[in-house]
Protein backbone atom coordinates (compact mmCIF):
# COMPACT_ATOMS: atom_id res chain seq x y z
CA MET A 1 173.03 113.88 156.62
CA THR A 2 171.03 112.48 153.70
CA SER A 3 170.91 114.27 150.36
CA ALA A 4 167.20 115.02 150.91
CA GLU A 5 167.90 116.66 154.28
CA ALA A 6 170.82 118.64 152.88
CA GLY A 7 168.64 119.82 150.03
CA SER A 8 165.91 120.83 152.47
CA LEU A 9 168.34 122.88 154.56
CA ARG A 10 169.77 124.58 151.46
CA ARG A 11 166.28 125.47 150.25
CA LEU A 12 165.08 126.74 153.63
CA ALA A 13 168.18 128.70 154.69
CA PRO A 14 167.76 131.73 152.35
CA PRO A 15 164.04 132.37 153.11
CA ALA A 16 164.74 131.85 156.82
CA ARG A 17 167.49 134.48 156.76
CA ARG A 18 165.26 136.93 154.88
CA PHE A 19 162.39 136.33 157.27
CA LEU A 20 164.52 137.00 160.37
CA ALA A 21 166.30 139.98 158.77
CA HIS A 22 162.98 141.81 158.41
CA ARG A 23 162.22 141.37 162.11
CA LYS A 24 165.36 142.62 163.80
CA GLY A 25 163.43 144.94 166.13
CA VAL A 26 161.29 142.11 167.49
CA LEU A 27 164.34 139.88 167.91
CA VAL A 28 166.23 142.60 169.79
CA ARG A 29 163.34 143.12 172.19
CA LEU A 30 163.03 139.37 172.62
CA GLY A 31 166.75 139.22 173.43
CA LEU A 32 166.44 141.95 176.07
CA TRP A 33 163.68 140.09 177.86
CA SER A 34 165.81 136.95 177.64
CA LEU A 35 168.73 138.76 179.31
CA ALA A 36 166.39 139.49 182.19
CA GLU A 37 165.65 135.76 182.35
CA ALA A 38 169.39 134.99 182.52
CA GLY A 39 169.76 137.46 185.38
CA GLN A 40 166.86 135.86 187.19
CA ALA A 41 168.44 132.39 186.86
CA PHE A 42 171.76 133.72 188.18
CA LEU A 43 170.22 135.47 191.17
CA VAL A 44 168.15 132.53 192.45
CA GLY A 45 171.05 130.10 192.99
CA HIS A 46 173.49 132.80 194.07
CA ALA A 47 171.07 134.14 196.69
CA VAL A 48 170.44 130.65 198.09
CA ALA A 49 174.19 130.05 198.47
CA ARG A 50 174.72 133.41 200.18
CA SER A 51 171.79 132.90 202.52
CA VAL A 52 173.39 129.69 203.82
CA ASP A 53 177.06 130.72 203.97
CA GLU A 54 176.68 134.34 205.10
CA GLY A 55 173.42 133.98 206.95
CA PHE A 56 172.23 130.82 208.63
CA LEU A 57 175.57 128.99 208.99
CA ALA A 58 177.28 132.24 210.07
CA GLY A 59 174.76 132.76 212.87
CA ASP A 60 173.03 135.68 211.15
CA PRO A 61 169.49 134.53 210.30
CA ARG A 62 168.43 138.05 209.41
CA ARG A 63 171.01 138.18 206.62
CA GLY A 64 169.98 134.70 205.51
CA LEU A 65 166.35 135.75 205.25
CA LEU A 66 167.37 138.86 203.34
CA TRP A 67 169.15 136.77 200.71
CA LEU A 68 166.17 134.42 200.51
CA GLY A 69 164.02 137.50 199.90
CA VAL A 70 166.26 138.36 196.96
CA ALA A 71 165.70 134.84 195.58
CA LEU A 72 161.94 135.23 196.04
CA VAL A 73 161.91 138.55 194.17
CA ALA A 74 163.88 136.91 191.34
CA VAL A 75 161.38 134.05 191.14
CA LEU A 76 158.36 136.38 191.16
CA SER A 77 159.90 138.55 188.46
CA GLY A 78 159.69 135.53 186.17
CA ALA A 79 156.00 136.22 185.52
CA ARG A 80 156.78 139.67 184.15
CA VAL A 81 159.57 138.24 182.00
CA VAL A 82 157.29 135.57 180.53
CA ARG A 83 154.66 138.19 179.78
CA GLY A 84 157.21 140.31 177.94
CA VAL A 85 158.48 137.34 175.96
CA PHE A 86 155.02 136.30 174.79
CA ALA A 87 154.18 139.88 173.86
CA GLN A 88 157.08 139.83 171.38
CA LEU A 89 156.58 136.25 170.20
CA ALA A 90 153.48 137.07 168.14
CA GLY A 91 155.56 139.49 166.07
CA VAL A 92 157.55 136.51 164.80
CA THR A 93 155.08 133.62 164.63
CA GLU A 94 152.04 135.29 163.06
CA PRO A 95 153.95 136.69 160.03
CA LEU A 96 155.32 133.17 159.51
CA ARG A 97 151.83 131.68 159.44
CA ASP A 98 150.56 134.38 157.05
CA GLY A 99 153.48 133.81 154.70
CA LEU A 100 152.99 130.04 154.68
CA VAL A 101 149.27 130.41 153.97
CA ARG A 102 150.01 132.73 151.03
CA ARG A 103 152.59 130.27 149.70
CA ALA A 104 150.19 127.32 149.99
CA VAL A 105 147.38 129.25 148.26
CA ASP A 106 149.69 130.42 145.47
CA ARG A 107 150.90 126.88 144.87
CA SER A 108 147.38 125.46 144.74
CA MET A 109 146.09 128.23 142.44
CA ALA A 110 149.09 127.87 140.13
CA ARG A 111 148.45 124.17 139.80
CA ALA A 112 144.76 124.64 139.05
CA ALA A 113 145.23 127.57 136.63
CA PRO A 114 145.38 127.04 132.86
CA GLY A 115 148.93 126.25 131.86
CA GLY A 116 149.76 124.93 135.30
CA PRO A 117 150.79 121.38 136.16
CA GLY A 118 147.13 120.41 136.07
CA GLY A 119 145.01 118.23 138.27
CA THR A 120 143.80 118.81 141.78
CA ASP A 121 146.27 119.64 144.55
CA ARG A 122 144.91 117.14 147.05
CA ALA A 123 147.41 118.21 149.71
CA ALA A 124 146.32 121.87 149.55
CA VAL A 125 143.82 121.59 152.38
CA SER A 126 146.37 119.84 154.57
CA ARG A 127 148.91 122.60 153.89
CA LEU A 128 146.42 125.38 154.63
CA THR A 129 145.18 123.86 157.88
CA ASN A 130 147.10 121.11 159.59
CA GLN A 131 150.59 121.71 158.17
CA VAL A 132 150.54 125.50 158.57
CA GLU A 133 149.39 125.17 162.17
CA ILE A 134 152.09 122.57 162.82
CA ALA A 135 154.69 124.98 161.42
CA ARG A 136 153.48 127.94 163.46
CA ASP A 137 153.19 126.01 166.73
CA SER A 138 156.52 124.26 166.22
CA PHE A 139 158.29 127.51 165.34
CA ALA A 140 156.83 129.27 168.39
CA GLY A 141 157.91 126.40 170.62
CA LEU A 142 161.43 126.42 169.19
CA VAL A 143 161.83 130.18 169.62
CA LEU A 144 160.66 129.96 173.22
CA THR A 145 162.76 126.96 174.21
CA LEU A 146 165.97 127.86 172.36
CA ARG A 147 165.90 131.37 173.75
CA SER A 148 165.09 130.16 177.25
CA PHE A 149 167.78 127.47 177.23
CA VAL A 150 170.56 129.70 175.94
CA PHE A 151 169.97 132.52 178.41
CA THR A 152 168.92 130.36 181.36
CA ALA A 153 171.92 128.07 180.86
CA ALA A 154 174.22 131.09 180.59
CA GLY A 155 172.90 132.49 183.86
CA ALA A 156 173.10 129.14 185.65
CA LEU A 157 176.62 128.28 184.41
CA LEU A 158 177.90 131.74 185.34
CA GLY A 159 176.35 131.22 188.73
CA LEU A 160 178.11 127.87 189.17
CA LEU A 161 181.40 129.46 188.12
CA SER A 162 180.91 132.31 190.59
CA LEU A 163 180.30 129.84 193.42
CA HIS A 164 183.35 127.67 192.65
CA PRO A 165 185.00 126.52 189.36
CA ALA A 166 185.18 122.93 190.63
CA LEU A 167 181.37 122.70 190.37
CA LEU A 168 181.62 123.01 186.58
CA VAL A 169 184.14 120.17 186.48
CA VAL A 170 181.51 117.86 188.03
CA VAL A 171 178.39 119.12 186.27
CA LEU A 172 179.49 119.81 182.69
CA PRO A 173 180.63 116.30 181.53
CA PRO A 174 177.27 114.49 182.03
CA LEU A 175 175.42 117.50 180.63
CA ALA A 176 177.60 117.53 177.52
CA ALA A 177 177.32 113.74 177.11
CA GLY A 178 173.54 113.78 177.25
CA LEU A 179 173.30 116.76 174.92
CA ALA A 180 175.69 115.14 172.42
CA LEU A 181 173.69 111.90 172.41
CA PHE A 182 170.56 113.92 171.83
CA LEU A 183 172.06 115.86 168.91
CA VAL A 184 173.00 112.57 167.25
CA THR A 185 169.29 111.65 167.09
CA LEU A 186 168.11 114.86 165.41
CA ARG A 187 168.88 113.95 161.79
CA PRO A 188 167.54 110.38 161.93
CA MET A 189 164.42 111.62 163.70
CA ALA A 190 163.86 114.28 161.02
CA ALA A 191 164.14 111.61 158.32
CA ALA A 192 161.76 109.32 160.23
CA GLN A 193 159.32 112.21 160.71
CA ARG A 194 159.46 112.92 156.98
CA ARG A 195 158.68 109.29 156.13
CA ALA A 196 155.84 109.17 158.67
CA LEU A 197 154.24 112.33 157.28
CA ALA A 198 154.56 111.12 153.69
CA ALA A 199 153.06 107.73 154.61
CA ASP A 200 150.18 109.42 156.43
CA GLU A 201 149.41 111.68 153.45
CA ALA A 202 149.57 108.77 151.00
CA LEU A 203 147.20 106.70 153.13
CA GLY A 204 144.75 109.59 153.53
CA GLU A 205 144.73 110.32 149.80
CA HIS A 206 144.18 106.66 148.96
CA ALA A 207 141.29 106.40 151.44
CA ALA A 208 139.63 109.57 150.10
CA SER A 209 139.95 108.42 146.47
CA ALA A 210 138.66 104.94 147.24
CA ARG A 211 135.67 106.24 149.17
CA ALA A 212 134.72 108.58 146.32
CA ALA A 213 134.90 105.70 143.82
CA LEU A 214 133.09 102.96 145.73
CA ARG A 215 130.46 102.58 143.02
CA ASP A 216 133.08 102.16 140.30
CA LEU A 217 135.09 99.71 142.40
CA ALA A 218 132.04 97.51 142.86
CA ALA A 219 131.03 97.77 139.19
CA CYS A 220 134.51 96.97 137.83
CA GLY A 221 135.35 94.31 140.40
CA THR A 222 138.68 96.01 141.20
CA GLY A 223 138.06 96.36 144.91
CA PRO A 224 140.56 93.66 145.96
CA GLY A 225 143.43 95.45 144.21
CA VAL A 226 142.58 98.74 145.91
CA GLU A 227 142.27 96.89 149.22
CA ARG A 228 145.74 95.39 148.79
CA ARG A 229 147.17 98.82 148.03
CA GLY A 230 145.50 100.18 151.15
CA ALA A 231 147.00 97.37 153.22
CA GLU A 232 150.45 98.19 151.84
CA LEU A 233 150.02 101.86 152.74
CA VAL A 234 148.88 100.94 156.25
CA ALA A 235 151.94 98.72 156.65
CA ASP A 236 154.22 101.54 155.40
CA ALA A 237 152.65 103.98 157.87
CA ALA A 238 153.07 101.49 160.72
CA ALA A 239 156.72 100.84 159.83
CA ALA A 240 157.42 104.58 159.72
CA ALA A 241 155.75 105.02 163.09
CA ARG A 242 157.84 102.21 164.61
CA THR A 243 161.07 103.76 163.30
CA LEU A 244 160.07 107.12 164.71
CA ALA A 245 159.27 105.50 168.06
CA GLY A 246 162.69 103.81 168.14
CA TRP A 247 164.53 107.08 167.73
CA ALA A 248 162.23 108.67 170.28
CA ALA A 249 163.42 106.00 172.75
CA VAL A 250 167.04 106.97 172.10
CA ARG A 251 166.11 110.60 172.64
CA THR A 252 164.48 109.68 175.94
CA ALA A 253 167.71 107.96 177.03
CA ALA A 254 169.66 111.10 176.16
CA LEU A 255 167.23 113.12 178.21
CA GLY A 256 167.79 110.80 181.16
CA VAL A 257 171.58 111.15 180.90
CA ALA A 258 171.48 114.94 180.70
CA GLY A 259 168.62 115.38 183.13
CA HIS A 260 169.62 113.10 186.02
CA LEU A 261 173.36 112.33 185.88
CA PRO A 262 174.47 115.90 186.78
CA VAL A 263 172.55 115.73 190.06
CA LEU A 264 173.89 112.25 190.84
CA ALA A 265 177.43 113.33 189.96
CA LEU A 266 177.14 116.31 192.28
CA LEU A 267 175.96 114.07 195.11
CA VAL A 268 178.78 111.57 194.58
CA ALA A 269 181.40 114.33 194.42
CA VAL A 270 180.34 116.15 197.60
CA GLY A 271 183.37 114.87 199.54
CA TRP A 272 185.78 115.76 196.73
CA LEU A 273 184.26 119.22 196.39
CA ARG A 274 184.36 119.88 200.12
CA GLY A 275 188.06 118.97 200.12
CA ARG A 276 188.67 121.71 197.53
CA GLY A 277 187.00 124.41 199.54
CA VAL A 278 183.46 124.32 198.20
CA SER A 279 181.18 125.58 200.95
CA VAL A 280 177.86 124.09 202.03
CA GLY A 281 176.03 127.11 200.67
CA ALA A 282 177.80 126.77 197.32
CA LEU A 283 176.72 123.12 197.12
CA LEU A 284 173.13 124.03 197.92
CA GLY A 285 173.28 126.85 195.36
CA ALA A 286 174.63 124.42 192.76
CA PHE A 287 171.73 122.04 193.38
CA THR A 288 169.37 125.01 193.05
CA TYR A 289 170.89 125.97 189.69
CA LEU A 290 170.52 122.41 188.43
CA VAL A 291 167.02 121.64 189.69
CA GLN A 292 165.40 125.04 189.26
CA SER A 293 167.05 126.41 186.10
CA LEU A 294 169.49 124.35 184.07
CA LEU A 295 167.88 120.90 183.95
CA PRO A 296 164.28 122.12 183.31
CA ALA A 297 165.56 124.33 180.48
CA LEU A 298 167.55 121.42 179.03
CA HIS A 299 164.55 119.08 179.30
CA THR A 300 162.34 121.59 177.47
CA LEU A 301 164.98 122.16 174.79
CA MET A 302 165.49 118.48 174.07
CA THR A 303 161.76 117.81 173.97
CA ALA A 304 161.12 120.74 171.61
CA LEU A 305 164.03 120.06 169.26
CA GLY A 306 163.29 116.35 169.16
CA ALA A 307 159.62 116.75 168.29
CA ALA A 308 158.85 120.28 167.09
CA GLY A 309 162.19 120.78 165.34
CA SER A 310 161.92 117.76 163.08
CA ARG A 311 158.24 118.47 162.34
CA LEU A 312 159.03 122.09 161.47
CA LEU A 313 161.80 121.14 159.03
CA VAL A 314 159.62 118.59 157.25
CA VAL A 315 156.52 120.79 157.03
CA LEU A 316 158.40 123.89 155.88
CA ASP A 317 160.08 121.85 153.15
CA ARG A 318 156.70 120.58 151.98
CA ILE A 319 155.20 124.08 151.85
CA LEU A 320 158.21 126.07 150.65
CA GLY A 321 159.97 123.35 148.69
CA PRO A 322 159.64 122.65 144.96
CA GLU A 323 156.33 121.56 143.50
CA PRO A 324 156.11 117.75 143.48
CA GLU A 325 155.74 115.97 140.20
CA PRO A 326 152.08 115.53 139.21
CA GLU A 327 150.83 112.02 139.76
CA PRO A 328 149.85 109.97 136.72
CA GLU A 329 146.18 109.56 135.96
CA LEU A 330 144.68 106.49 137.55
CA GLY A 331 143.89 103.83 134.98
CA PRO A 332 141.35 101.02 135.01
CA GLU A 333 143.79 98.67 136.70
CA SER A 334 143.74 100.87 139.80
CA GLY A 335 139.99 100.57 140.16
CA LEU A 336 139.70 104.37 140.19
CA GLY A 337 139.00 105.03 136.55
CA PRO A 338 136.36 107.18 134.83
CA GLY A 339 133.43 108.19 136.95
CA VAL A 340 135.37 108.86 140.16
CA GLU A 341 133.82 112.30 140.54
CA SER A 342 130.34 111.39 139.37
CA GLY A 343 129.03 111.06 142.92
CA PRO A 344 126.52 108.55 144.21
CA SER A 345 123.87 107.18 141.91
CA THR A 346 121.04 108.48 144.08
CA ALA A 347 120.69 111.59 146.25
CA SER A 348 118.73 111.98 149.45
CA ALA A 349 118.41 115.74 149.00
CA PRO A 350 118.89 118.33 146.21
CA GLY A 351 122.56 118.78 145.44
CA ALA A 352 123.61 115.74 147.45
CA ALA A 353 125.79 114.31 144.66
CA ALA A 354 127.88 117.46 144.38
CA PHE A 355 128.00 117.67 148.14
CA ALA A 356 129.36 114.11 148.47
CA VAL A 357 132.20 114.85 146.07
CA HIS A 358 133.02 118.20 147.68
CA THR A 359 133.35 116.75 151.17
CA ALA A 360 135.36 113.59 150.45
CA ALA A 361 138.11 114.55 152.90
CA ALA A 362 136.41 117.29 154.94
CA PRO A 363 135.97 117.09 158.73
CA ALA A 364 132.51 115.99 159.81
CA VAL A 365 132.29 119.06 162.09
CA GLU A 366 134.59 122.06 162.10
CA LEU A 367 134.40 125.19 164.27
CA ARG A 368 136.77 128.01 163.40
CA ALA A 369 137.22 130.60 166.19
CA VAL A 370 133.51 130.45 167.02
CA THR A 371 132.21 133.00 169.54
CA LEU A 372 128.59 133.23 170.68
CA SER A 373 127.16 135.93 172.96
CA TYR A 374 123.48 136.40 173.79
CA GLY A 375 123.68 140.18 173.69
CA VAL A 376 126.11 142.96 172.82
CA ARG A 377 127.54 143.34 176.33
CA ALA A 378 126.94 139.80 177.53
CA GLU A 379 129.84 137.52 178.36
CA PRO A 380 130.38 135.01 175.53
CA VAL A 381 129.01 131.53 176.10
CA LEU A 382 131.60 130.19 173.68
CA ASP A 383 134.75 132.24 173.08
CA ALA A 384 136.95 131.66 169.99
CA LEU A 385 136.32 127.90 170.06
CA ASP A 386 138.19 125.76 167.52
CA LEU A 387 137.04 122.17 167.06
CA ARG A 388 137.41 119.42 164.48
CA VAL A 389 135.50 116.15 164.51
CA ALA A 390 136.61 113.52 162.04
CA PRO A 391 134.10 111.57 159.91
CA GLY A 392 132.86 108.54 161.84
CA GLU A 393 134.12 109.85 165.19
CA HIS A 394 132.13 109.61 168.44
CA LEU A 395 132.54 112.83 170.47
CA ALA A 396 131.07 113.47 173.92
CA VAL A 397 130.57 117.03 175.21
CA VAL A 398 130.62 117.60 178.98
CA GLY A 399 130.61 120.56 181.33
CA PRO A 400 128.61 122.23 184.10
CA SER A 401 124.97 123.20 183.56
CA GLY A 402 124.60 126.39 181.53
CA ILE A 403 128.17 126.34 180.20
CA GLY A 404 127.17 126.18 176.52
CA LYS A 405 126.73 122.50 175.61
CA SER A 406 123.27 122.96 174.08
CA THR A 407 124.45 126.17 172.43
CA LEU A 408 127.23 124.18 170.78
CA THR A 409 124.84 121.58 169.36
CA ARG A 410 122.52 124.31 168.04
CA LEU A 411 125.44 126.05 166.35
CA VAL A 412 126.53 122.81 164.67
CA ALA A 413 122.95 122.06 163.68
CA GLY A 414 122.67 125.48 162.03
CA THR A 415 119.67 126.63 164.10
CA LEU A 416 121.81 129.27 165.85
CA ALA A 417 124.27 131.64 164.17
CA PRO A 418 127.60 132.46 165.85
CA SER A 419 128.48 136.03 166.76
CA ARG A 420 131.89 135.48 165.16
CA GLY A 421 133.63 132.61 163.45
CA GLU A 422 132.45 129.86 161.15
CA VAL A 423 130.69 126.51 161.63
CA ARG A 424 131.04 123.84 158.97
CA VAL A 425 129.52 120.39 158.63
CA ALA A 426 131.15 118.07 156.09
CA GLY A 427 133.02 121.04 154.63
CA ARG A 428 129.94 123.25 154.16
CA ALA A 429 129.06 126.36 156.17
CA VAL A 430 125.75 125.77 157.98
CA THR A 431 124.86 129.34 158.95
CA GLY A 432 122.01 130.61 156.79
CA ARG A 433 121.60 127.33 154.91
CA PRO A 434 118.00 126.35 154.04
CA ALA A 435 116.27 123.86 156.33
CA ALA A 436 116.01 121.22 153.60
CA GLU A 437 119.78 121.24 153.08
CA LEU A 438 120.45 121.19 156.83
CA ALA A 439 118.19 118.15 157.19
CA ALA A 440 120.38 116.27 154.72
CA LEU A 441 123.48 117.11 156.78
CA ARG A 442 122.50 116.42 160.37
CA VAL A 443 119.87 115.34 162.87
CA LEU A 444 119.50 117.10 166.22
CA VAL A 445 117.73 115.18 169.00
CA PRO A 446 117.03 117.49 171.96
CA GLN A 447 116.36 116.58 175.57
CA ASP A 448 112.60 117.00 175.13
CA ALA A 449 111.98 114.41 172.43
CA TYR A 450 109.30 115.21 169.85
CA VAL A 451 106.63 112.59 169.11
CA PHE A 452 103.60 113.55 167.04
CA SER A 453 100.10 112.10 166.82
CA GLY A 454 100.27 109.46 164.12
CA THR A 455 101.23 105.84 163.71
CA VAL A 456 104.33 104.30 165.23
CA GLY A 457 105.70 103.72 161.74
CA ASP A 458 105.10 107.33 160.71
CA ASN A 459 107.00 108.56 163.77
CA LEU A 460 109.97 106.25 163.15
CA ALA A 461 110.13 106.92 159.39
CA TYR A 462 109.65 110.68 159.67
CA LEU A 463 113.26 111.41 158.56
CA ARG A 464 113.33 108.56 156.05
CA THR A 465 109.98 108.05 154.40
CA ASP A 466 111.23 105.22 152.15
CA ALA A 467 112.25 102.96 155.05
CA SER A 468 111.03 99.41 154.60
CA ARG A 469 109.05 97.41 157.16
CA ALA A 470 112.16 95.30 157.78
CA GLU A 471 114.26 98.38 158.51
CA LEU A 472 111.59 99.72 160.86
CA GLY A 473 111.49 96.37 162.62
CA ALA A 474 115.27 96.31 162.96
CA ALA A 475 115.24 99.78 164.54
CA ILE A 476 112.51 98.69 166.95
CA ASP A 477 114.59 95.69 168.01
CA VAL A 478 117.86 97.64 168.32
CA PHE A 479 116.34 100.20 170.69
CA GLY A 480 114.23 97.76 172.69
CA LEU A 481 110.94 99.29 171.54
CA ALA A 482 109.18 95.97 170.93
CA PRO A 483 107.25 95.98 174.26
CA LEU A 484 106.07 99.55 173.65
CA VAL A 485 105.02 98.83 170.06
CA GLU A 486 103.14 95.70 171.16
CA ARG A 487 101.39 97.63 173.91
CA LEU A 488 100.29 100.30 171.43
CA GLY A 489 99.01 97.71 168.96
CA GLY A 490 101.80 97.35 166.38
CA PRO A 491 103.65 99.63 163.93
CA ASP A 492 100.37 100.81 162.37
CA ALA A 493 98.80 101.73 165.70
CA THR A 494 98.21 105.38 166.57
CA VAL A 495 100.55 107.05 169.04
CA ARG A 496 99.19 109.51 171.62
CA PRO A 497 102.26 111.44 172.81
CA ALA A 498 100.71 112.33 176.18
CA GLU A 499 100.41 108.62 177.02
CA LEU A 500 104.14 107.97 176.58
CA SER A 501 106.68 108.43 179.33
CA PRO A 502 109.63 110.81 178.72
CA GLY A 503 111.95 107.82 178.32
CA GLU A 504 109.65 106.18 175.76
CA ARG A 505 109.47 109.40 173.76
CA GLN A 506 113.26 109.58 173.78
CA LEU A 507 113.57 106.02 172.49
CA VAL A 508 111.19 106.79 169.61
CA ALA A 509 113.17 109.93 168.73
CA LEU A 510 116.48 108.04 168.89
CA ALA A 511 115.18 105.25 166.65
CA ARG A 512 113.96 107.91 164.21
CA ALA A 513 117.45 109.47 164.17
CA TYR A 514 118.99 106.01 163.70
CA LEU A 515 117.02 105.53 160.47
CA SER A 516 117.91 108.98 159.12
CA PRO A 517 120.35 109.10 156.16
CA ALA A 518 122.03 112.22 157.58
CA PRO A 519 125.77 111.66 158.20
CA LEU A 520 125.83 113.57 161.52
CA LEU A 521 123.77 112.90 164.67
CA LEU A 522 123.66 115.47 167.50
CA LEU A 523 122.26 114.26 170.83
CA ASP A 524 121.61 117.06 173.33
CA GLU A 525 121.12 115.02 176.52
CA ALA A 526 118.70 112.98 174.45
CA THR A 527 119.10 109.94 176.76
CA CYS A 528 118.65 111.69 180.11
CA HIS A 529 115.34 109.91 180.83
CA LEU A 530 116.69 106.43 180.02
CA ASP A 531 118.14 103.98 182.48
CA PRO A 532 121.90 103.30 182.10
CA ALA A 533 121.40 100.01 180.25
CA SER A 534 118.99 101.53 177.73
CA GLU A 535 121.26 104.53 177.29
CA ALA A 536 124.28 102.29 176.60
CA ARG A 537 122.32 100.21 174.09
CA ALA A 538 121.03 103.33 172.30
CA GLU A 539 124.43 105.02 172.09
CA GLU A 540 126.16 101.86 170.89
CA ALA A 541 123.57 101.51 168.14
CA LEU A 542 123.92 105.13 167.07
CA ALA A 543 127.74 104.98 167.19
CA GLY A 544 127.65 101.82 165.07
CA ARG A 545 125.69 103.38 162.21
CA SER A 546 127.55 104.95 159.31
CA GLY A 547 128.29 108.54 160.25
CA THR A 548 129.47 110.79 163.06
CA LEU A 549 127.98 111.04 166.56
CA VAL A 550 128.21 114.07 168.89
CA VAL A 551 126.63 113.51 172.33
CA VAL A 552 126.08 115.95 175.17
CA ALA A 553 126.84 113.44 177.91
CA HIS A 554 124.43 112.95 180.79
CA ARG A 555 126.45 110.25 182.60
CA LEU A 556 130.11 109.33 182.95
CA SER A 557 129.50 106.06 181.11
CA SER A 558 128.33 108.04 178.09
CA ALA A 559 131.54 110.05 178.04
CA VAL A 560 133.78 106.99 178.49
CA ARG A 561 132.18 105.29 175.47
CA ALA A 562 133.21 108.17 173.19
CA ASP A 563 136.38 108.30 171.10
CA ARG A 564 137.12 111.78 172.45
CA ILE A 565 135.60 114.11 175.05
CA LEU A 566 135.21 117.89 174.79
CA VAL A 567 135.19 119.65 178.19
CA LEU A 568 133.59 123.12 178.25
CA ASP A 569 134.43 125.22 181.30
CA GLY A 570 133.65 128.74 180.12
CA VAL A 571 137.34 129.70 179.95
CA ARG A 572 139.31 127.18 177.91
CA ALA A 573 137.86 124.14 176.21
CA GLN A 574 139.90 120.93 176.38
CA CYS A 575 139.55 117.85 174.20
CA GLY A 576 141.02 114.38 174.66
CA THR A 577 140.34 110.84 175.74
CA HIS A 578 138.96 109.94 179.15
CA ALA A 579 142.42 109.02 180.47
CA GLU A 580 144.06 112.15 179.04
CA LEU A 581 141.48 114.50 180.55
CA LEU A 582 141.70 112.85 183.95
CA GLY A 583 145.36 113.84 183.92
CA ARG A 584 145.09 117.43 182.68
CA SER A 585 141.57 118.77 183.34
CA PRO A 586 140.62 119.56 186.97
CA LEU A 587 137.03 120.24 185.87
CA TYR A 588 136.74 116.84 184.22
CA ARG A 589 138.06 115.16 187.37
CA ASP A 590 135.45 117.06 189.39
CA LEU A 591 132.70 116.03 186.99
CA THR A 592 133.88 112.43 187.16
CA GLY A 593 133.75 112.54 190.95
CA HIS A 594 130.27 114.04 190.82
CA TRP A 595 129.05 111.33 188.44
CA ASN A 596 130.58 108.59 190.60
CA SER A 597 129.20 109.95 193.89
């Protein structure tokens, strides 16, 4: 164990003991439910063995079916056990989250207060959001898996012993070997996880500082030095990720040894076991214990300890550990000298300079437990939805008609207020914000595109009145509007909206959004009247501009082009890549089949 890891364990042990000591009642109730889980594991394999030996092989099928009924009741009782476990779990995990949030806030306030270490705690937001959630989720997973493994393994091993002691002689050695190999990887993986997290934070802080100081970097000519430092940080993050992946491979090998060798050993030793009086039913019961109880519990334990355990140790140490030494002020040689927080030299809307500084590292879009109901007793269209969209990301939103896709875009645009929860764009709450400020944050292009009576140029430059003729011409070329503009008589010709097709109106609205300086574009099926080629060209152009793109997808191709896809199904939203959602979202597979048909 390294000195850093030993120090972490010493620091975390006392608060961990105090935390658990104050929750003895919850832990006792959790243990009682876990005893029921151990009994369930014991009964399943034992009943299978009895059904074979005393029932079917003994010529008494009725008795065999009776024992199988006992096994069925034990399996069905698992749902009640899981419900009881989760009912008690919140009594442990939620106090942990609340305590970590208080600790993170206290640390940040102490640093900012007069007499404190001074400076801005740039990791405070990460501790309050990402790191606290990692700690809570990891802790909940560890409680569930450790408890389940201990009691399930106890029930299964007792069952094997009750069937015949020779079964343990065959099963235990490969189990112990795989578990020992896995335990060897825990400390190196924790150290690798720590390095990966530190490298990720350093890279994120460097990127945020550099982006805020772009004007000064260009003026001082120190951009190359900052670029080299960024390349070094990227290389450090990649090296840490490779080390972590290497230890993950060793952990996978340990999982294979513990998860597959016991079954193979039992198969190989069937003749030896039969020679020592092990019955056919006992063999079948032993396989049941392994496949249904012991090996799944071991697999879950190793996965949780290998991933969640190391993350939890690192994150808790960062939140509960000692305050890090304040970083030295950045000098001129770093390229991030005076003027870092002065903001851009020009502003597209009132308060834009302060806004740019405030949101240097904020998500482009953030929904926090957002619920929207159109009426007091109406079913919610969106129910406690959490969502984060990173700056520059391309997100597609899909789901059945009427599921809430347009509602989501209106909430993000600030034209609709949530019943509960909070909607933020670039770190700022949008609900109740004046229209002028909302216009500087985002552009919403609805399905029914708006084109007004005026010149072509006026329509295209409506959201950016200072656009030059060259910029207007570039937008016309990017969206394939040249034939339409020539037909109308040029950029200064008058547009009569009624004479344009729905697709032509959409192209004009999309080109207008493309020219907008707003950092966020929201397309609510704004390409539904375009042919696939025009849609692809338009979305590629909008995704290539500086900023974030959220698209309510009209076709599968639109979803596939996105970085991530949000699937709304009215029950539980899921977010991931196209390949990930094909594997875990039945609704997305159905939508894909519908689009392809």
